[in-house]
Amino acid sequence: MRQEILQLKGRITELRQILQQKELEASGLIIQIRSLADPYENDMTHIKSEQLSISARLLHECVTQIKTTTEQLKRLEAYLG
């Protein structure tokens, strides 16, 4: 029983680290998207829409993983008590 509790605590710590990394990655992607989608650009041909699309897809994946990880973390913490 004690071994299971230690493993559970280790998994919780691991999930918290993953969550931190993904939140940092998402923040960086948001900054990148803001930079690429320059609203002050007069010539729309200079907007890098392909890079914007890729960054937006990566941000979506990141946010999805954050939500999933947060749910796993809540379940494990509730189980641990």
C-alpha atoms as a PDB file:
ATOM      1  CA  MET A   1       0.000   0.000   0.000  1.00  0.00           C
ATOM      2  CA  ARG A   2       2.776   2.426   0.895  1.00  0.00           C
ATOM      3  CA  GLN A   3       4.511   1.683  -2.420  1.00  0.00           C
ATOM      4  CA  GLU A   4       1.315   2.553  -4.321  1.00  0.00           C
ATOM      5  CA  ILE A   5       1.020   5.871  -2.487  1.00  0.00           C
ATOM      6  CA  LEU A   6       4.621   6.744  -3.335  1.00  0.00           C
ATOM      7  CA  GLN A   7       4.041   5.855  -6.988  1.00  0.00           C
ATOM      8  CA  LEU A   8       0.899   7.980  -7.019  1.00  0.00           C
ATOM      9  CA  LYS A   9       2.743  10.943  -5.503  1.00  0.00           C
ATOM     10  CA  GLY A  10       5.484  10.512  -8.080  1.00  0.00           C
ATOM     11  CA  ARG A  11       2.930  10.518 -10.894  1.00  0.00           C
ATOM     12  CA  ILE A  12       1.314  13.671  -9.480  1.00  0.00           C
ATOM     13  CA  THR A  13       4.697  15.393  -9.419  1.00  0.00           C
ATOM     14  CA  GLU A  14       5.346  14.272 -12.985  1.00  0.00           C
ATOM     15  CA  LEU A  15       1.968  15.601 -14.152  1.00  0.00           C
ATOM     16  CA  ARG A  16       2.608  18.948 -12.461  1.00  0.00           C
ATOM     17  CA  GLN A  17       5.916  19.247 -14.323  1.00  0.00           C
ATOM     18  CA  ILE A  18       4.256  18.384 -17.628  1.00  0.00           C
ATOM     19  CA  LEU A  19       1.574  20.963 -16.896  1.00  0.00           C
ATOM     20  CA  GLN A  20       4.187  23.642 -16.195  1.00  0.00           C
ATOM     21  CA  GLN A  21       6.053  22.835 -19.415  1.00  0.00           C
ATOM     22  CA  LYS A  22       2.895  22.907 -21.525  1.00  0.00           C
ATOM     23  CA  GLU A  23       1.729  26.194 -19.997  1.00  0.00           C
ATOM     24  CA  LEU A  24       5.105  27.735 -20.756  1.00  0.00           C
ATOM     25  CA  GLU A  25       4.972  26.360 -24.306  1.00  0.00           C
ATOM     26  CA  ALA A  26       1.444  27.747 -24.765  1.00  0.00           C
ATOM     27  CA  SER A  27       2.536  31.179 -23.534  1.00  0.00           C
ATOM     28  CA  GLY A  28       5.392  31.192 -26.024  1.00  0.00           C
ATOM     29  CA  LEU A  29       3.072  30.191 -28.847  1.00  0.00           C
ATOM     30  CA  ILE A  30       0.636  32.980 -27.958  1.00  0.00           C
ATOM     31  CA  ILE A  31       3.461  35.508 -28.095  1.00  0.00           C
ATOM     32  CA  GLN A  32       4.602  34.073 -31.421  1.00  0.00           C
ATOM     33  CA  ILE A  33       1.067  34.222 -32.856  1.00  0.00           C
ATOM     34  CA  ARG A  34       0.673  37.842 -31.750  1.00  0.00           C
ATOM     35  CA  SER A  35       3.956  38.670 -33.399  1.00  0.00           C
ATOM     36  CA  LEU A  36       3.076  36.923 -36.655  1.00  0.00           C
ATOM     37  CA  ALA A  37      -0.435  38.411 -36.830  1.00  0.00           C
ATOM     38  CA  ASP A  38       0.759  42.001 -36.766  1.00  0.00           C
ATOM     39  CA  PRO A  39      -2.382  44.183 -36.873  1.00  0.00           C
ATOM     40  CA  TYR A  40      -0.318  47.200 -37.852  1.00  0.00           C
ATOM     41  CA  GLU A  41       1.031  45.621 -41.030  1.00  0.00           C
ATOM     42  CA  ASN A  42      -0.269  47.635 -43.971  1.00  0.00           C
ATOM     43  CA  ASP A  43       0.571  45.046 -46.617  1.00  0.00           C
ATOM     44  CA  MET A  44      -1.291  41.820 -45.857  1.00  0.00           C
ATOM     45  CA  THR A  45       1.024  39.886 -48.164  1.00  0.00           C
ATOM     46  CA  HIS A  46       3.676  40.225 -45.461  1.00  0.00           C
ATOM     47  CA  ILE A  47       1.541  38.322 -42.944  1.00  0.00           C
ATOM     48  CA  LYS A  48       3.017  34.851 -42.514  1.00  0.00           C
ATOM     49  CA  SER A  49      -0.275  32.969 -42.586  1.00  0.00           C
ATOM     50  CA  GLU A  50       1.302  29.530 -42.997  1.00  0.00           C
ATOM     51  CA  GLN A  51       3.397  29.985 -39.861  1.00  0.00           C
ATOM     52  CA  LEU A  52       0.334  31.380 -38.089  1.00  0.00           C
ATOM     53  CA  SER A  53      -1.640  28.294 -39.013  1.00  0.00           C
ATOM     54  CA  ILE A  54       1.071  25.965 -37.720  1.00  0.00           C
ATOM     55  CA  SER A  55       1.452  27.929 -34.482  1.00  0.00           C
ATOM     56  CA  ALA A  56      -2.314  27.968 -33.940  1.00  0.00           C
ATOM     57  CA  ARG A  57      -2.490  24.187 -34.451  1.00  0.00           C
ATOM     58  CA  LEU A  58       0.370  23.675 -31.984  1.00  0.00           C
ATOM     59  CA  LEU A  59      -1.358  25.975 -29.487  1.00  0.00           C
ATOM     60  CA  HIS A  60      -4.581  23.993 -29.840  1.00  0.00           C
ATOM     61  CA  GLU A  61      -2.712  20.726 -29.198  1.00  0.00           C
ATOM     62  CA  CYS A  62      -0.972  22.292 -26.209  1.00  0.00           C
ATOM     63  CA  VAL A  63      -4.214  23.568 -24.674  1.00  0.00           C
ATOM     64  CA  THR A  64      -5.867  20.187 -25.225  1.00  0.00           C
ATOM     65  CA  GLN A  65      -2.989  18.477 -23.436  1.00  0.00           C
ATOM     66  CA  ILE A  66      -3.172  21.023 -20.588  1.00  0.00           C
ATOM     67  CA  LYS A  67      -6.869  20.249 -20.121  1.00  0.00           C
ATOM     68  CA  THR A  68      -6.270  16.495 -20.186  1.00  0.00           C
ATOM     69  CA  THR A  69      -3.339  16.700 -17.776  1.00  0.00           C
ATOM     70  CA  THR A  70      -5.282  18.953 -15.410  1.00  0.00           C
ATOM     71  CA  GLU A  71      -8.148  16.454 -15.300  1.00  0.00           C
ATOM     72  CA  GLN A  72      -5.741  13.559 -14.627  1.00  0.00           C
ATOM     73  CA  LEU A  73      -4.085  15.575 -11.880  1.00  0.00           C
ATOM     74  CA  LYS A  74      -7.417  16.388 -10.219  1.00  0.00           C
ATOM     75  CA  ARG A  75      -8.483  12.732 -10.307  1.00  0.00           C
ATOM     76  CA  LEU A  76      -5.223  11.502  -8.808  1.00  0.00           C
ATOM     77  CA  GLU A  77      -5.187  14.175  -6.101  1.00  0.00           C
ATOM     78  CA  ALA A  78      -8.802  13.364  -5.203  1.00  0.00           C
ATOM     79  CA  TYR A  79      -7.939   9.656  -5.046  1.00  0.00           C
ATOM     80  CA  LEU A  80      -4.952  10.386  -2.827  1.00  0.00           C
ATOM     81  CA  GLY A  81      -7.107  12.526  -0.574  1.00  0.00           C
END
